[in-house]
Amino acid sequence: MHKTKIFVAGCLFSSLFSGAWYVNEKVKREYVETVSFDDSAIRLTNTETPIEVLTEEANVFEKFRPREYVRVVIR
């Protein structure tokens, strides 16, 4: 009796855990770290691409800043 309960609980846990892992891998997001500099110190050249263009083209998101828990983005 206890062996079947342990077996069923183990199967349920394993299936839920592996399902959550699979979904997490499917919706995984990549984050890039952006650093803001003074405009006079650094200027973009013709060969460099701003981070906004890169994040729009690929499935890449900007990292959250300190104390920024939610970001509302208009698409």
C-alpha atoms as a PDB file:
ATOM      1  CA  MET A   1       0.000   0.000   0.000  1.00  0.00           C
ATOM      2  CA  HIS A   2       2.713   2.497   0.979  1.00  0.00           C
ATOM      3  CA  LYS A   3       4.918   1.419  -1.902  1.00  0.00           C
ATOM      4  CA  THR A   4       2.227   2.261  -4.458  1.00  0.00           C
ATOM      5  CA  LYS A   5       1.592   5.665  -2.855  1.00  0.00           C
ATOM      6  CA  ILE A   6       5.317   6.446  -2.900  1.00  0.00           C
ATOM      7  CA  PHE A   7       5.569   5.282  -6.512  1.00  0.00           C
ATOM      8  CA  VAL A   8       2.571   7.388  -7.624  1.00  0.00           C
ATOM      9  CA  ALA A   9       3.848  10.449  -5.744  1.00  0.00           C
ATOM     10  CA  GLY A  10       7.284  10.020  -7.334  1.00  0.00           C
ATOM     11  CA  CYS A  11       5.766   9.687 -10.808  1.00  0.00           C
ATOM     12  CA  LEU A  12       3.621  12.795 -10.311  1.00  0.00           C
ATOM     13  CA  PHE A  13       6.554  14.807  -9.013  1.00  0.00           C
ATOM     14  CA  SER A  14       8.801  13.671 -11.862  1.00  0.00           C
ATOM     15  CA  SER A  15       6.231  14.436 -14.545  1.00  0.00           C
ATOM     16  CA  LEU A  16       5.431  17.885 -13.108  1.00  0.00           C
ATOM     17  CA  PHE A  17       9.100  18.739 -12.675  1.00  0.00           C
ATOM     18  CA  SER A  18      10.088  17.612 -16.171  1.00  0.00           C
ATOM     19  CA  GLY A  19       7.071  19.392 -17.695  1.00  0.00           C
ATOM     20  CA  ALA A  20       7.967  22.648 -15.960  1.00  0.00           C
ATOM     21  CA  TRP A  21      11.588  22.297 -17.079  1.00  0.00           C
ATOM     22  CA  TYR A  22      10.498  21.712 -20.698  1.00  0.00           C
ATOM     23  CA  VAL A  23       8.201  24.764 -20.695  1.00  0.00           C
ATOM     24  CA  ASN A  24      10.944  26.882 -19.121  1.00  0.00           C
ATOM     25  CA  GLU A  25      13.366  25.890 -21.871  1.00  0.00           C
ATOM     26  CA  LYS A  26      10.809  26.705 -24.577  1.00  0.00           C
ATOM     27  CA  VAL A  27      10.070  30.243 -23.312  1.00  0.00           C
ATOM     28  CA  LYS A  28      13.602  31.088 -22.166  1.00  0.00           C
ATOM     29  CA  ARG A  29      14.587  34.719 -22.698  1.00  0.00           C
ATOM     30  CA  GLU A  30      18.087  36.037 -23.221  1.00  0.00           C
ATOM     31  CA  TYR A  31      19.079  39.246 -21.490  1.00  0.00           C
ATOM     32  CA  VAL A  32      21.801  41.725 -22.418  1.00  0.00           C
ATOM     33  CA  GLU A  33      23.437  44.124 -20.053  1.00  0.00           C
ATOM     34  CA  THR A  34      23.272  47.732 -21.150  1.00  0.00           C
ATOM     35  CA  VAL A  35      25.608  50.332 -19.783  1.00  0.00           C
ATOM     36  CA  SER A  36      24.781  54.008 -20.092  1.00  0.00           C
ATOM     37  CA  PHE A  37      27.656  56.390 -20.700  1.00  0.00           C
ATOM     38  CA  ASP A  38      27.922  60.116 -21.031  1.00  0.00           C
ATOM     39  CA  ASP A  39      27.244  61.256 -24.621  1.00  0.00           C
ATOM     40  CA  SER A  40      30.485  63.182 -24.808  1.00  0.00           C
ATOM     41  CA  ALA A  41      32.603  60.159 -23.844  1.00  0.00           C
ATOM     42  CA  ILE A  42      31.298  57.609 -26.326  1.00  0.00           C
ATOM     43  CA  ARG A  43      29.707  58.064 -29.732  1.00  0.00           C
ATOM     44  CA  LEU A  44      28.322  55.424 -32.059  1.00  0.00           C
ATOM     45  CA  THR A  45      30.093  54.965 -35.351  1.00  0.00           C
ATOM     46  CA  ASN A  46      28.513  53.835 -38.599  1.00  0.00           C
ATOM     47  CA  THR A  47      29.508  50.213 -37.937  1.00  0.00           C
ATOM     48  CA  GLU A  48      27.950  49.997 -34.465  1.00  0.00           C
ATOM     49  CA  THR A  49      24.299  49.188 -33.853  1.00  0.00           C
ATOM     50  CA  PRO A  50      22.271  50.600 -30.930  1.00  0.00           C
ATOM     51  CA  ILE A  51      20.893  48.080 -28.438  1.00  0.00           C
ATOM     52  CA  GLU A  52      17.298  49.004 -29.308  1.00  0.00           C
ATOM     53  CA  VAL A  53      17.753  47.711 -32.855  1.00  0.00           C
ATOM     54  CA  LEU A  54      19.358  44.488 -31.635  1.00  0.00           C
ATOM     55  CA  THR A  55      16.613  43.788 -29.111  1.00  0.00           C
ATOM     56  CA  GLU A  56      13.873  44.333 -31.686  1.00  0.00           C
ATOM     57  CA  GLU A  57      15.422  41.947 -34.217  1.00  0.00           C
ATOM     58  CA  ALA A  58      16.210  39.050 -31.891  1.00  0.00           C
ATOM     59  CA  ASN A  59      14.516  37.526 -28.878  1.00  0.00           C
ATOM     60  CA  VAL A  60      16.849  39.445 -26.546  1.00  0.00           C
ATOM     61  CA  PHE A  61      15.727  41.629 -23.672  1.00  0.00           C
ATOM     62  CA  GLU A  62      17.441  44.345 -21.668  1.00  0.00           C
ATOM     63  CA  LYS A  63      18.294  43.369 -18.087  1.00  0.00           C
ATOM     64  CA  PHE A  64      16.283  44.937 -15.302  1.00  0.00           C
ATOM     65  CA  ARG A  65      17.839  47.900 -13.563  1.00  0.00           C
ATOM     66  CA  PRO A  66      18.151  47.993  -9.765  1.00  0.00           C
ATOM     67  CA  ARG A  67      14.721  48.038  -8.086  1.00  0.00           C
ATOM     68  CA  GLU A  68      12.978  47.590 -11.423  1.00  0.00           C
ATOM     69  CA  TYR A  69      10.690  44.602 -11.026  1.00  0.00           C
ATOM     70  CA  VAL A  70       8.200  45.164 -13.856  1.00  0.00           C
ATOM     71  CA  ARG A  71       8.718  46.815 -17.243  1.00  0.00           C
ATOM     72  CA  VAL A  72       5.789  47.850 -19.429  1.00  0.00           C
ATOM     73  CA  VAL A  73       6.716  47.778 -23.114  1.00  0.00           C
ATOM     74  CA  ILE A  74       4.494  49.026 -25.898  1.00  0.00           C
ATOM     75  CA  ARG A  75       4.694  46.788 -28.976  1.00  0.00           C
END
